[in-house]
C-alpha cells in the first residue's frame, strides 16, 4: 500500500429536532449550531487537504481560518467554500432554495444548474 493513500474516515452525524438548537465543535475547532430539524455529517478527522461537512437544514457557523485546507459546506447541489468566516445557511430538502447570510469574512458559492456549474464569491 502506498503511503499517500487517503485514510478511511469515520463519520459522525448530528441532528437537531424541530425547536432545538444544538452546538457541534468540529475536529478543527470550528463551531456549528444546528437549528430546527437539521442534520450535519462530518468526518472525525479532516484529511486530504479539504475540510468538508454535509448539511440538510439550517446552520449558523463560525469557521476557523486555514488557508492551506479549505472548508466546504455541501447541501444538495451547492458547495459553500469558506475562508475563516461566520455565516448562516438554510437548505431544507422540501425547498428549492439555499439561503446564505454572510456575517463576516469571505465565501465562494459553487452550484450546479441544468446549464452546468457556476461559481459566485463574496
PDB file of N, CA and C in Angstrom:
ATOM      1  N   UNK A   1       0.833  -1.180   0.000  1.00  0.00           N
ATOM      2  CA  UNK A   1       0.000   0.000   0.000  1.00  0.00           C
ATOM      3  C   UNK A   1       0.876   1.240   0.000  1.00  0.00           C
ATOM      4  N   UNK A   2       0.513   2.221  -0.825  1.00  0.00           N
ATOM      5  CA  UNK A   2       1.277   3.451  -0.910  1.00  0.00           C
ATOM      6  C   UNK A   2       1.012   4.325   0.310  1.00  0.00           C
ATOM      7  N   UNK A   3       2.022   5.089   0.731  1.00  0.00           N
ATOM      8  CA  UNK A   3       1.895   5.961   1.900  1.00  0.00           C
ATOM      9  C   UNK A   3       0.946   7.134   1.673  1.00  0.00           C
ATOM     10  N   UNK A   4       0.762   7.549   0.404  1.00  0.00           N
ATOM     11  CA  UNK A   4      -0.056   8.729   0.161  1.00  0.00           C
ATOM     12  C   UNK A   4      -1.539   8.413  -0.015  1.00  0.00           C
ATOM     13  N   UNK A   5      -1.944   7.176   0.153  1.00  0.00           N
ATOM     14  CA  UNK A   5      -3.357   6.821   0.023  1.00  0.00           C
ATOM     15  C   UNK A   5      -4.128   7.424   1.188  1.00  0.00           C
ATOM     16  N   UNK A   6      -5.318   7.882   0.906  1.00  0.00           N
ATOM     17  CA  UNK A   6      -6.138   8.502   1.944  1.00  0.00           C
ATOM     18  C   UNK A   6      -6.605   7.465   2.957  1.00  0.00           C
ATOM     19  N   UNK A   7      -6.664   7.913   4.199  1.00  0.00           N
ATOM     20  CA  UNK A   7      -7.173   7.060   5.252  1.00  0.00           C
ATOM     21  C   UNK A   7      -8.703   7.028   5.163  1.00  0.00           C
ATOM     22  N   UNK A   8      -9.269   5.929   5.578  1.00  0.00           N
ATOM     23  CA  UNK A   8     -10.718   5.824   5.631  1.00  0.00           C
ATOM     24  C   UNK A   8     -11.193   6.559   6.871  1.00  0.00           C
ATOM     25  N   UNK A   9     -12.120   7.484   6.674  1.00  0.00           N
ATOM     26  CA  UNK A   9     -12.596   8.311   7.783  1.00  0.00           C
ATOM     27  C   UNK A   9     -13.821   7.693   8.429  1.00  0.00           C
ATOM     28  N   UNK A  10     -13.945   7.902   9.722  1.00  0.00           N
ATOM     29  CA  UNK A  10     -15.182   7.596  10.429  1.00  0.00           C
ATOM     30  C   UNK A  10     -16.030   8.854  10.379  1.00  0.00           C
ATOM     31  N   UNK A  11     -17.334   8.689  10.212  1.00  0.00           N
ATOM     32  CA  UNK A  11     -18.228   9.823  10.063  1.00  0.00           C
ATOM     33  C   UNK A  11     -19.150   9.941  11.268  1.00  0.00           C
ATOM     34  N   UNK A  12     -19.458  11.191  11.617  1.00  0.00           N
ATOM     35  CA  UNK A  12     -20.375  11.488  12.701  1.00  0.00           C
ATOM     36  C   UNK A  12     -21.584  12.214  12.126  1.00  0.00           C
ATOM     37  N   UNK A  13     -22.768  11.831  12.585  1.00  0.00           N
ATOM     38  CA  UNK A  13     -23.996  12.502  12.187  1.00  0.00           C
ATOM     39  C   UNK A  13     -24.644  13.081  13.435  1.00  0.00           C
ATOM     40  N   UNK A  14     -24.971  14.369  13.372  1.00  0.00           N
ATOM     41  CA  UNK A  14     -25.618  15.052  14.489  1.00  0.00           C
ATOM     42  C   UNK A  14     -26.904  15.670  13.954  1.00  0.00           C
ATOM     43  N   UNK A  15     -27.977  15.557  14.729  1.00  0.00           N
ATOM     44  CA  UNK A  15     -29.253  16.130  14.327  1.00  0.00           C
ATOM     45  C   UNK A  15     -29.804  17.025  15.432  1.00  0.00           C
ATOM     46  N   UNK A  16     -30.609  17.966  15.016  1.00  0.00           N
ATOM     47  CA  UNK A  16     -31.368  18.808  15.952  1.00  0.00           C
ATOM     48  C   UNK A  16     -32.825  18.677  15.563  1.00  0.00           C
ATOM     49  N   UNK A  17     -33.659  18.351  16.527  1.00  0.00           N
ATOM     50  CA  UNK A  17     -35.088  18.229  16.280  1.00  0.00           C
ATOM     51  C   UNK A  17     -35.713  19.607  16.097  1.00  0.00           C
ATOM     52  N   UNK A  18     -36.955  19.617  15.639  1.00  0.00           N
ATOM     53  CA  UNK A  18     -37.673  20.869  15.467  1.00  0.00           C
ATOM     54  C   UNK A  18     -37.752  21.602  16.812  1.00  0.00           C
ATOM     55  N   UNK A  19     -37.399  22.883  16.811  1.00  0.00           N
ATOM     56  CA  UNK A  19     -37.427  23.689  18.027  1.00  0.00           C
ATOM     57  C   UNK A  19     -36.163  23.589  18.860  1.00  0.00           C
ATOM     58  N   UNK A  20     -35.213  22.774  18.446  1.00  0.00           N
ATOM     59  CA  UNK A  20     -33.980  22.562  19.206  1.00  0.00           C
ATOM     60  C   UNK A  20     -32.821  23.295  18.527  1.00  0.00           C
ATOM     61  N   UNK A  21     -31.858  23.768  19.322  1.00  0.00           N
ATOM     62  CA  UNK A  21     -30.593  24.303  18.826  1.00  0.00           C
ATOM     63  C   UNK A  21     -29.497  23.453  19.431  1.00  0.00           C
ATOM     64  N   UNK A  22     -28.581  23.002  18.597  1.00  0.00           N
ATOM     65  CA  UNK A  22     -27.529  22.103  19.066  1.00  0.00           C
ATOM     66  C   UNK A  22     -26.183  22.567  18.543  1.00  0.00           C
ATOM     67  N   UNK A  23     -25.190  22.676  19.415  1.00  0.00           N
ATOM     68  CA  UNK A  23     -23.849  23.099  19.027  1.00  0.00           C
ATOM     69  C   UNK A  23     -22.972  21.887  18.755  1.00  0.00           C
ATOM     70  N   UNK A  24     -22.168  21.995  17.689  1.00  0.00           N
ATOM     71  CA  UNK A  24     -21.193  20.964  17.342  1.00  0.00           C
ATOM     72  C   UNK A  24     -19.833  21.645  17.215  1.00  0.00           C
ATOM     73  N   UNK A  25     -18.819  21.084  17.878  1.00  0.00           N
ATOM     74  CA  UNK A  25     -17.452  21.550  17.706  1.00  0.00           C
ATOM     75  C   UNK A  25     -16.763  20.538  16.797  1.00  0.00           C
ATOM     76  N   UNK A  26     -16.307  21.016  15.644  1.00  0.00           N
ATOM     77  CA  UNK A  26     -15.692  20.146  14.645  1.00  0.00           C
ATOM     78  C   UNK A  26     -14.235  19.858  14.991  1.00  0.00           C
ATOM     79  N   UNK A  27     -13.627  18.865  14.342  1.00  0.00           N
ATOM     80  CA  UNK A  27     -12.251  18.484  14.670  1.00  0.00           C
ATOM     81  C   UNK A  27     -11.224  19.610  14.531  1.00  0.00           C
ATOM     82  N   UNK A  28     -11.507  20.633  13.717  1.00  0.00           N
ATOM     83  CA  UNK A  28     -10.564  21.742  13.542  1.00  0.00           C
ATOM     84  C   UNK A  28     -10.827  22.895  14.510  1.00  0.00           C
ATOM     85  N   UNK A  29     -11.825  22.752  15.391  1.00  0.00           N
ATOM     86  CA  UNK A  29     -12.161  23.803  16.344  1.00  0.00           C
ATOM     87  C   UNK A  29     -13.260  24.734  15.873  1.00  0.00           C
ATOM     88  N   UNK A  30     -13.748  24.553  14.643  1.00  0.00           N
ATOM     89  CA  UNK A  30     -14.871  25.354  14.148  1.00  0.00           C
ATOM     90  C   UNK A  30     -16.132  24.981  14.911  1.00  0.00           C
ATOM     91  N   UNK A  31     -17.067  25.938  14.991  1.00  0.00           N
ATOM     92  CA  UNK A  31     -18.333  25.712  15.689  1.00  0.00           C
ATOM     93  C   UNK A  31     -19.487  25.827  14.710  1.00  0.00           C
ATOM     94  N   UNK A  32     -20.435  24.896  14.808  1.00  0.00           N
ATOM     95  CA  UNK A  32     -21.661  24.934  14.016  1.00  0.00           C
ATOM     96  C   UNK A  32     -22.829  24.740  14.973  1.00  0.00           C
ATOM     97  N   UNK A  33     -23.850  25.591  14.825  1.00  0.00           N
ATOM     98  CA  UNK A  33     -25.078  25.452  15.594  1.00  0.00           C
ATOM     99  C   UNK A  33     -26.173  24.988  14.641  1.00  0.00           C
ATOM    100  N   UNK A  34     -26.815  23.886  14.972  1.00  0.00           N
ATOM    101  CA  UNK A  34     -27.889  23.330  14.168  1.00  0.00           C
ATOM    102  C   UNK A  34     -29.218  23.852  14.697  1.00  0.00           C
ATOM    103  N   UNK A  35     -30.125  24.197  13.786  1.00  0.00           N
ATOM    104  CA  UNK A  35     -31.441  24.721  14.142  1.00  0.00           C
ATOM    105  C   UNK A  35     -32.530  23.857  13.523  1.00  0.00           C
ATOM    106  N   UNK A  36     -33.677  23.749  14.194  1.00  0.00           N
ATOM    107  CA  UNK A  36     -34.928  23.253  13.624  1.00  0.00           C
ATOM    108  C   UNK A  36     -34.811  22.162  12.559  1.00  0.00           C
ATOM    109  N   UNK A  37     -34.805  20.930  12.991  1.00  0.00           N
ATOM    110  CA  UNK A  37     -34.870  19.799  12.066  1.00  0.00           C
ATOM    111  C   UNK A  37     -33.699  19.797  11.086  1.00  0.00           C
ATOM    112  N   UNK A  38     -32.498  19.843  11.624  1.00  0.00           N
ATOM    113  CA  UNK A  38     -31.275  19.929  10.826  1.00  0.00           C
ATOM    114  C   UNK A  38     -30.384  18.717  11.085  1.00  0.00           C
ATOM    115  N   UNK A  39     -29.643  18.353  10.042  1.00  0.00           N
ATOM    116  CA  UNK A  39     -28.696  17.237  10.123  1.00  0.00           C
ATOM    117  C   UNK A  39     -27.373  17.686   9.539  1.00  0.00           C
ATOM    118  N   UNK A  40     -26.284  17.364  10.224  1.00  0.00           N
ATOM    119  CA  UNK A  40     -24.939  17.617   9.703  1.00  0.00           C
ATOM    120  C   UNK A  40     -24.139  16.321   9.820  1.00  0.00           C
ATOM    121  N   UNK A  41     -23.351  16.039   8.789  1.00  0.00           N
ATOM    122  CA  UNK A  41     -22.494  14.854   8.757  1.00  0.00           C
ATOM    123  C   UNK A  41     -21.073  15.336   8.492  1.00  0.00           C
ATOM    124  N   UNK A  42     -20.127  14.859   9.308  1.00  0.00           N
ATOM    125  CA  UNK A  42     -18.737  15.291   9.156  1.00  0.00           C
ATOM    126  C   UNK A  42     -17.798  14.161   9.584  1.00  0.00           C
ATOM    127  N   UNK A  43     -16.553  14.168   9.060  1.00  0.00           N
ATOM    128  CA  UNK A  43     -15.594  13.135   9.450  1.00  0.00           C
ATOM    129  C   UNK A  43     -15.016  13.418  10.832  1.00  0.00           C
ATOM    130  N   UNK A  44     -14.587  12.362  11.502  1.00  0.00           N
ATOM    131  CA  UNK A  44     -13.971  12.529  12.827  1.00  0.00           C
ATOM    132  C   UNK A  44     -12.634  13.252  12.740  1.00  0.00           C
ATOM    133  N   UNK A  45     -11.991  13.188  11.572  1.00  0.00           N
ATOM    134  CA  UNK A  45     -10.727  13.875  11.319  1.00  0.00           C
ATOM    135  C   UNK A  45     -10.764  14.417   9.899  1.00  0.00           C
ATOM    136  N   UNK A  46     -10.355  15.664   9.723  1.00  0.00           N
ATOM    137  CA  UNK A  46     -10.271  16.221   8.377  1.00  0.00           C
ATOM    138  C   UNK A  46      -8.932  15.811   7.769  1.00  0.00           C
ATOM    139  N   UNK A  47      -8.960  15.176   6.599  1.00  0.00           N
ATOM    140  CA  UNK A  47      -7.751  14.738   5.912  1.00  0.00           C
ATOM    141  C   UNK A  47      -7.859  15.110   4.435  1.00  0.00           C
ATOM    142  N   UNK A  48      -6.771  14.974   3.713  1.00  0.00           N
ATOM    143  CA  UNK A  48      -6.797  15.174   2.279  1.00  0.00           C
ATOM    144  C   UNK A  48      -6.814  16.616   1.823  1.00  0.00           C
ATOM    145  N   UNK A  49      -6.464  17.561   2.688  1.00  0.00           N
ATOM    146  CA  UNK A  49      -6.382  18.958   2.283  1.00  0.00           C
ATOM    147  C   UNK A  49      -7.714  19.658   2.104  1.00  0.00           C
ATOM    148  N   UNK A  50      -8.790  19.064   2.621  1.00  0.00           N
ATOM    149  CA  UNK A  50     -10.121  19.671   2.496  1.00  0.00           C
ATOM    150  C   UNK A  50     -10.932  19.324   3.730  1.00  0.00           C
ATOM    151  N   UNK A  51     -11.547  20.329   4.329  1.00  0.00           N
ATOM    152  CA  UNK A  51     -12.453  20.124   5.456  1.00  0.00           C
ATOM    153  C   UNK A  51     -13.866  20.238   4.897  1.00  0.00           C
ATOM    154  N   UNK A  52     -14.627  19.164   4.966  1.00  0.00           N
ATOM    155  CA  UNK A  52     -15.951  19.179   4.349  1.00  0.00           C
ATOM    156  C   UNK A  52     -17.000  18.608   5.282  1.00  0.00           C
ATOM    157  N   UNK A  53     -18.159  19.287   5.323  1.00  0.00           N
ATOM    158  CA  UNK A  53     -19.318  18.811   6.066  1.00  0.00           C
ATOM    159  C   UNK A  53     -20.519  18.829   5.130  1.00  0.00           C
ATOM    160  N   UNK A  54     -21.506  18.000   5.444  1.00  0.00           N
ATOM    161  CA  UNK A  54     -22.728  17.903   4.647  1.00  0.00           C
ATOM    162  C   UNK A  54     -23.899  18.305   5.526  1.00  0.00           C
ATOM    163  N   UNK A  55     -24.757  19.193   5.008  1.00  0.00           N
ATOM    164  CA  UNK A  55     -25.818  19.788   5.811  1.00  0.00           C
ATOM    165  C   UNK A  55     -27.164  19.644   5.117  1.00  0.00           C
ATOM    166  N   UNK A  56     -28.169  19.375   5.921  1.00  0.00           N
ATOM    167  CA  UNK A  56     -29.558  19.443   5.488  1.00  0.00           C
ATOM    168  C   UNK A  56     -30.297  20.188   6.580  1.00  0.00           C
ATOM    169  N   UNK A  57     -30.808  21.382   6.269  1.00  0.00           N
ATOM    170  CA  UNK A  57     -31.490  22.184   7.270  1.00  0.00           C
ATOM    171  C   UNK A  57     -30.857  23.551   7.395  1.00  0.00           C
ATOM    172  N   UNK A  58     -30.758  24.057   8.632  1.00  0.00           N
ATOM    173  CA  UNK A  58     -30.224  25.403   8.874  1.00  0.00           C
ATOM    174  C   UNK A  58     -29.103  25.363   9.895  1.00  0.00           C
ATOM    175  N   UNK A  59     -27.991  26.043   9.558  1.00  0.00           N
ATOM    176  CA  UNK A  59     -26.858  26.145  10.485  1.00  0.00           C
ATOM    177  C   UNK A  59     -26.394  27.591  10.598  1.00  0.00           C
ATOM    178  N   UNK A  60     -25.816  27.884  11.747  1.00  0.00           N
ATOM    179  CA  UNK A  60     -25.038  29.090  11.964  1.00  0.00           C
ATOM    180  C   UNK A  60     -23.633  28.585  12.223  1.00  0.00           C
ATOM    181  N   UNK A  61     -22.618  29.154  11.543  1.00  0.00           N
ATOM    182  CA  UNK A  61     -21.272  28.591  11.647  1.00  0.00           C
ATOM    183  C   UNK A  61     -20.220  29.669  11.873  1.00  0.00           C
ATOM    184  N   UNK A  62     -19.250  29.338  12.704  1.00  0.00           N
ATOM    185  CA  UNK A  62     -18.039  30.129  12.908  1.00  0.00           C
ATOM    186  C   UNK A  62     -16.883  29.211  12.551  1.00  0.00           C
ATOM    187  N   UNK A  63     -16.289  29.432  11.377  1.00  0.00           N
ATOM    188  CA  UNK A  63     -15.296  28.521  10.812  1.00  0.00           C
ATOM    189  C   UNK A  63     -13.891  29.059  11.025  1.00  0.00           C
ATOM    190  N   UNK A  64     -13.020  28.202  11.530  1.00  0.00           N
ATOM    191  CA  UNK A  64     -11.621  28.544  11.739  1.00  0.00           C
ATOM    192  C   UNK A  64     -10.921  28.726  10.397  1.00  0.00           C
ATOM    193  N   UNK A  65     -10.104  29.754  10.293  1.00  0.00           N
ATOM    194  CA  UNK A  65      -9.370  30.027   9.061  1.00  0.00           C
ATOM    195  C   UNK A  65      -8.191  29.054   8.911  1.00  0.00           C
ATOM    196  N   UNK A  66      -8.007  28.532   7.713  1.00  0.00           N
ATOM    197  CA  UNK A  66      -6.862  27.686   7.369  1.00  0.00           C
ATOM    198  C   UNK A  66      -6.655  27.800   5.865  1.00  0.00           C
ATOM    199  N   UNK A  67      -5.708  28.646   5.442  1.00  0.00           N
ATOM    200  CA  UNK A  67      -5.503  28.914   4.018  1.00  0.00           C
ATOM    201  C   UNK A  67      -5.020  27.696   3.245  1.00  0.00           C
ATOM    202  N   UNK A  68      -4.492  26.702   3.927  1.00  0.00           N
ATOM    203  CA  UNK A  68      -3.980  25.502   3.256  1.00  0.00           C
ATOM    204  C   UNK A  68      -5.013  24.390   3.160  1.00  0.00           C
ATOM    205  N   UNK A  69      -6.114  24.538   3.865  1.00  0.00           N
ATOM    206  CA  UNK A  69      -7.127  23.479   3.902  1.00  0.00           C
ATOM    207  C   UNK A  69      -8.516  24.109   3.867  1.00  0.00           C
ATOM    208  N   UNK A  70      -9.085  24.295   2.674  1.00  0.00           N
ATOM    209  CA  UNK A  70     -10.394  24.955   2.586  1.00  0.00           C
ATOM    210  C   UNK A  70     -11.478  24.199   3.324  1.00  0.00           C
ATOM    211  N   UNK A  71     -12.467  24.947   3.789  1.00  0.00           N
ATOM    212  CA  UNK A  71     -13.620  24.384   4.472  1.00  0.00           C
ATOM    213  C   UNK A  71     -14.800  24.468   3.522  1.00  0.00           C
ATOM    214  N   UNK A  72     -15.492  23.338   3.307  1.00  0.00           N
ATOM    215  CA  UNK A  72     -16.595  23.280   2.355  1.00  0.00           C
ATOM    216  C   UNK A  72     -17.844  22.769   3.058  1.00  0.00           C
ATOM    217  N   UNK A  73     -18.940  23.515   2.911  1.00  0.00           N
ATOM    218  CA  UNK A  73     -20.241  23.079   3.401  1.00  0.00           C
ATOM    219  C   UNK A  73     -21.056  22.692   2.171  1.00  0.00           C
ATOM    220  N   UNK A  74     -21.467  21.426   2.102  1.00  0.00           N
ATOM    221  CA  UNK A  74     -22.224  20.921   0.957  1.00  0.00           C
ATOM    222  C   UNK A  74     -23.675  20.677   1.350  1.00  0.00           C
ATOM    223  N   UNK A  75     -24.584  21.163   0.492  1.00  0.00           N
ATOM    224  CA  UNK A  75     -26.019  20.949   0.682  1.00  0.00           C
ATOM    225  C   UNK A  75     -26.636  20.809  -0.701  1.00  0.00           C
ATOM    226  N   UNK A  76     -27.184  19.637  -0.985  1.00  0.00           N
ATOM    227  CA  UNK A  76     -27.768  19.357  -2.294  1.00  0.00           C
ATOM    228  C   UNK A  76     -26.755  19.665  -3.394  1.00  0.00           C
ATOM    229  N   UNK A  77     -27.084  20.584  -4.297  1.00  0.00           N
ATOM    230  CA  UNK A  77     -26.193  20.891  -5.415  1.00  0.00           C
ATOM    231  C   UNK A  77     -25.364  22.156  -5.185  1.00  0.00           C
ATOM    232  N   UNK A  78     -25.177  22.538  -3.921  1.00  0.00           N
ATOM    233  CA  UNK A  78     -24.449  23.755  -3.567  1.00  0.00           C
ATOM    234  C   UNK A  78     -23.261  23.410  -2.673  1.00  0.00           C
ATOM    235  N   UNK A  79     -22.116  24.012  -2.978  1.00  0.00           N
ATOM    236  CA  UNK A  79     -20.945  23.942  -2.116  1.00  0.00           C
ATOM    237  C   UNK A  79     -20.566  25.363  -1.731  1.00  0.00           C
ATOM    238  N   UNK A  80     -20.456  25.619  -0.435  1.00  0.00           N
ATOM    239  CA  UNK A  80     -20.001  26.911   0.061  1.00  0.00           C
ATOM    240  C   UNK A  80     -18.559  26.724   0.518  1.00  0.00           C
ATOM    241  N   UNK A  81     -17.622  27.417  -0.139  1.00  0.00           N
ATOM    242  CA  UNK A  81     -16.206  27.344   0.218  1.00  0.00           C
ATOM    243  C   UNK A  81     -15.934  28.509   1.147  1.00  0.00           C
ATOM    244  N   UNK A  82     -15.563  28.181   2.366  1.00  0.00           N
ATOM    245  CA  UNK A  82     -15.489  29.137   3.464  1.00  0.00           C
ATOM    246  C   UNK A  82     -14.043  29.488   3.749  1.00  0.00           C
ATOM    247  N   UNK A  83     -13.801  30.773   4.045  1.00  0.00           N
ATOM    248  CA  UNK A  83     -12.439  31.244   4.288  1.00  0.00           C
ATOM    249  C   UNK A  83     -12.348  31.936   5.648  1.00  0.00           C
ATOM    250  N   UNK A  84     -12.519  31.184   6.725  1.00  0.00           N
ATOM    251  CA  UNK A  84     -12.472  31.768   8.060  1.00  0.00           C
ATOM    252  C   UNK A  84     -13.604  32.754   8.240  1.00  0.00           C
ATOM    253  N   UNK A  85     -14.803  32.253   8.292  1.00  0.00           N
ATOM    254  CA  UNK A  85     -15.994  33.045   8.069  1.00  0.00           C
ATOM    255  C   UNK A  85     -17.071  32.725   9.093  1.00  0.00           C
ATOM    256  N   UNK A  86     -17.953  33.689   9.317  1.00  0.00           N
ATOM    257  CA  UNK A  86     -19.158  33.496  10.114  1.00  0.00           C
ATOM    258  C   UNK A  86     -20.357  33.691   9.188  1.00  0.00           C
ATOM    259  N   UNK A  87     -21.272  32.720   9.189  1.00  0.00           N
ATOM    260  CA  UNK A  87     -22.411  32.798   8.280  1.00  0.00           C
ATOM    261  C   UNK A  87     -23.562  31.941   8.780  1.00  0.00           C
ATOM    262  N   UNK A  88     -24.730  32.173   8.201  1.00  0.00           N
ATOM    263  CA  UNK A  88     -25.913  31.343   8.427  1.00  0.00           C
ATOM    264  C   UNK A  88     -26.296  30.753   7.070  1.00  0.00           C
ATOM    265  N   UNK A  89     -26.673  29.480   7.071  1.00  0.00           N
ATOM    266  CA  UNK A  89     -27.061  28.816   5.821  1.00  0.00           C
ATOM    267  C   UNK A  89     -28.321  28.011   6.064  1.00  0.00           C
ATOM    268  N   UNK A  90     -29.256  28.108   5.115  1.00  0.00           N
ATOM    269  CA  UNK A  90     -30.511  27.363   5.214  1.00  0.00           C
ATOM    270  C   UNK A  90     -30.721  26.606   3.909  1.00  0.00           C
ATOM    271  N   UNK A  91     -30.890  25.270   4.019  1.00  0.00           N
ATOM    272  CA  UNK A  91     -31.133  24.420   2.855  1.00  0.00           C
ATOM    273  C   UNK A  91     -31.940  23.208   3.299  1.00  0.00           C
ATOM    274  N   UNK A  92     -33.251  23.357   3.251  1.00  0.00           N
ATOM    275  CA  UNK A  92     -34.126  22.254   3.627  1.00  0.00           C
ATOM    276  C   UNK A  92     -34.503  21.463   2.373  1.00  0.00           C
ATOM    277  N   UNK A  93     -34.587  20.141   2.469  1.00  0.00           N
ATOM    278  CA  UNK A  93     -34.865  19.316   1.286  1.00  0.00           C
ATOM    279  C   UNK A  93     -36.212  19.598   0.626  1.00  0.00           C
ATOM    280  N   UNK A  94     -37.188  20.076   1.367  1.00  0.00           N
ATOM    281  CA  UNK A  94     -38.506  20.316   0.788  1.00  0.00           C
ATOM    282  C   UNK A  94     -38.599  21.647   0.028  1.00  0.00           C
ATOM    283  N   UNK A  95     -37.520  22.435   0.009  1.00  0.00           N
ATOM    284  CA  UNK A  95     -37.497  23.692  -0.746  1.00  0.00           C
ATOM    285  C   UNK A  95     -36.442  23.609  -1.841  1.00  0.00           C
ATOM    286  N   UNK A  96     -36.576  24.451  -2.840  1.00  0.00           N
ATOM    287  CA  UNK A  96     -35.601  24.503  -3.927  1.00  0.00           C
ATOM    288  C   UNK A  96     -34.523  25.545  -3.677  1.00  0.00           C
ATOM    289  N   UNK A  97     -34.634  26.291  -2.599  1.00  0.00           N
ATOM    290  CA  UNK A  97     -33.736  27.411  -2.332  1.00  0.00           C
ATOM    291  C   UNK A  97     -32.665  27.056  -1.321  1.00  0.00           C
ATOM    292  N   UNK A  98     -31.511  27.688  -1.493  1.00  0.00           N
ATOM    293  CA  UNK A  98     -30.467  27.693  -0.480  1.00  0.00           C
ATOM    294  C   UNK A  98     -30.246  29.157  -0.128  1.00  0.00           C
ATOM    295  N   UNK A  99     -30.339  29.481   1.161  1.00  0.00           N
ATOM    296  CA  UNK A  99     -30.142  30.849   1.619  1.00  0.00           C
ATOM    297  C   UNK A  99     -28.836  30.919   2.391  1.00  0.00           C
ATOM    298  N   UNK A 100     -28.018  31.911   2.062  1.00  0.00           N
ATOM    299  CA  UNK A 100     -26.747  32.116   2.741  1.00  0.00           C
ATOM    300  C   UNK A 100     -26.672  33.565   3.188  1.00  0.00           C
ATOM    301  N   UNK A 101     -26.475  33.767   4.490  1.00  0.00           N
ATOM    302  CA  UNK A 101     -26.295  35.104   5.036  1.00  0.00           C
ATOM    303  C   UNK A 101     -24.865  35.202   5.554  1.00  0.00           C
ATOM    304  N   UNK A 102     -24.052  35.995   4.891  1.00  0.00           N
ATOM    305  CA  UNK A 102     -22.656  36.184   5.278  1.00  0.00           C
ATOM    306  C   UNK A 102     -22.585  37.260   6.346  1.00  0.00           C
ATOM    307  N   UNK A 103     -22.045  36.913   7.495  1.00  0.00           N
ATOM    308  CA  UNK A 103     -21.959  37.846   8.611  1.00  0.00           C
ATOM    309  C   UNK A 103     -20.576  38.491   8.665  1.00  0.00           C
ATOM    310  N   UNK A 104     -19.544  37.672   8.420  1.00  0.00           N
ATOM    311  CA  UNK A 104     -18.173  38.169   8.435  1.00  0.00           C
ATOM    312  C   UNK A 104     -17.305  37.243   7.603  1.00  0.00           C
ATOM    313  N   UNK A 105     -16.347  37.819   6.861  1.00  0.00           N
ATOM    314  CA  UNK A 105     -15.404  37.005   6.110  1.00  0.00           C
ATOM    315  C   UNK A 105     -15.745  36.906   4.632  1.00  0.00           C
ATOM    316  N   UNK A 106     -15.260  35.838   4.004  1.00  0.00           N
ATOM    317  CA  UNK A 106     -15.419  35.619   2.567  1.00  0.00           C
ATOM    318  C   UNK A 106     -15.883  34.198   2.301  1.00  0.00           C
ATOM    319  N   UNK A 107     -16.705  34.045   1.273  1.00  0.00           N
ATOM    320  CA  UNK A 107     -17.115  32.715   0.814  1.00  0.00           C
ATOM    321  C   UNK A 107     -17.169  32.698  -0.710  1.00  0.00           C
ATOM    322  N   UNK A 108     -17.008  31.529  -1.271  1.00  0.00           N
ATOM    323  CA  UNK A 108     -17.308  31.262  -2.667  1.00  0.00           C
ATOM    324  C   UNK A 108     -18.488  30.310  -2.665  1.00  0.00           C
ATOM    325  N   UNK A 109     -19.355  30.443  -3.640  1.00  0.00           N
ATOM    326  CA  UNK A 109     -20.531  29.598  -3.737  1.00  0.00           C
ATOM    327  C   UNK A 109     -20.497  28.895  -5.088  1.00  0.00           C
ATOM    328  N   UNK A 110     -20.415  27.578  -5.071  1.00  0.00           N
ATOM    329  CA  UNK A 110     -20.464  26.774  -6.286  1.00  0.00           C
ATOM    330  C   UNK A 110     -21.816  26.077  -6.323  1.00  0.00           C
ATOM    331  N   UNK A 111     -22.447  26.055  -7.483  1.00  0.00           N
ATOM    332  CA  UNK A 111     -23.723  25.378  -7.591  1.00  0.00           C
ATOM    333  C   UNK A 111     -23.884  24.807  -8.994  1.00  0.00           C
ATOM    334  N   UNK A 112     -24.720  23.802  -9.090  1.00  0.00           N
ATOM    335  CA  UNK A 112     -24.987  23.144 -10.358  1.00  0.00           C
ATOM    336  C   UNK A 112     -26.424  23.428 -10.763  1.00  0.00           C
ATOM    337  N   UNK A 113     -26.591  23.832 -12.005  1.00  0.00           N
ATOM    338  CA  UNK A 113     -27.920  24.055 -12.561  1.00  0.00           C
ATOM    339  C   UNK A 113     -28.080  23.146 -13.778  1.00  0.00           C
ATOM    340  N   UNK A 114     -29.206  23.233 -14.424  1.00  0.00           N
ATOM    341  CA  UNK A 114     -29.413  22.443 -15.637  1.00  0.00           C
ATOM    342  C   UNK A 114     -28.467  22.887 -16.755  1.00  0.00           C
ATOM    343  N   UNK A 115     -27.886  24.098 -16.638  1.00  0.00           N
ATOM    344  CA  UNK A 115     -26.941  24.597 -17.635  1.00  0.00           C
ATOM    345  C   UNK A 115     -25.504  24.246 -17.306  1.00  0.00           C
ATOM    346  N   UNK A 116     -25.236  23.701 -16.136  1.00  0.00           N
ATOM    347  CA  UNK A 116     -23.873  23.358 -15.739  1.00  0.00           C
ATOM    348  C   UNK A 116     -23.509  23.976 -14.413  1.00  0.00           C
ATOM    349  N   UNK A 117     -22.200  24.038 -14.153  1.00  0.00           N
ATOM    350  CA  UNK A 117     -21.718  24.570 -12.879  1.00  0.00           C
ATOM    351  C   UNK A 117     -21.480  26.068 -12.982  1.00  0.00           C
ATOM    352  N   UNK A 118     -21.671  26.750 -11.841  1.00  0.00           N
ATOM    353  CA  UNK A 118     -21.428  28.184 -11.742  1.00  0.00           C
ATOM    354  C   UNK A 118     -20.754  28.468 -10.412  1.00  0.00           C
ATOM    355  N   UNK A 119     -20.106  29.632 -10.315  1.00  0.00           N
ATOM    356  CA  UNK A 119     -19.426  29.999  -9.076  1.00  0.00           C
ATOM    357  C   UNK A 119     -19.596  31.488  -8.824  1.00  0.00           C
ATOM    358  N   UNK A 120     -19.963  31.821  -7.594  1.00  0.00           N
ATOM    359  CA  UNK A 120     -20.065  33.211  -7.136  1.00  0.00           C
ATOM    360  C   UNK A 120     -19.125  33.390  -5.952  1.00  0.00           C
ATOM    361  N   UNK A 121     -18.747  34.607  -5.645  1.00  0.00           N
ATOM    362  CA  UNK A 121     -17.911  34.867  -4.473  1.00  0.00           C
ATOM    363  C   UNK A 121     -18.324  36.170  -3.821  1.00  0.00           C
ATOM    364  N   UNK A 122     -18.127  36.214  -2.492  1.00  0.00           N
ATOM    365  CA  UNK A 122     -18.409  37.413  -1.689  1.00  0.00           C
ATOM    366  C   UNK A 122     -17.205  37.734  -0.855  1.00  0.00           C
TER     367      UNK A 122
END
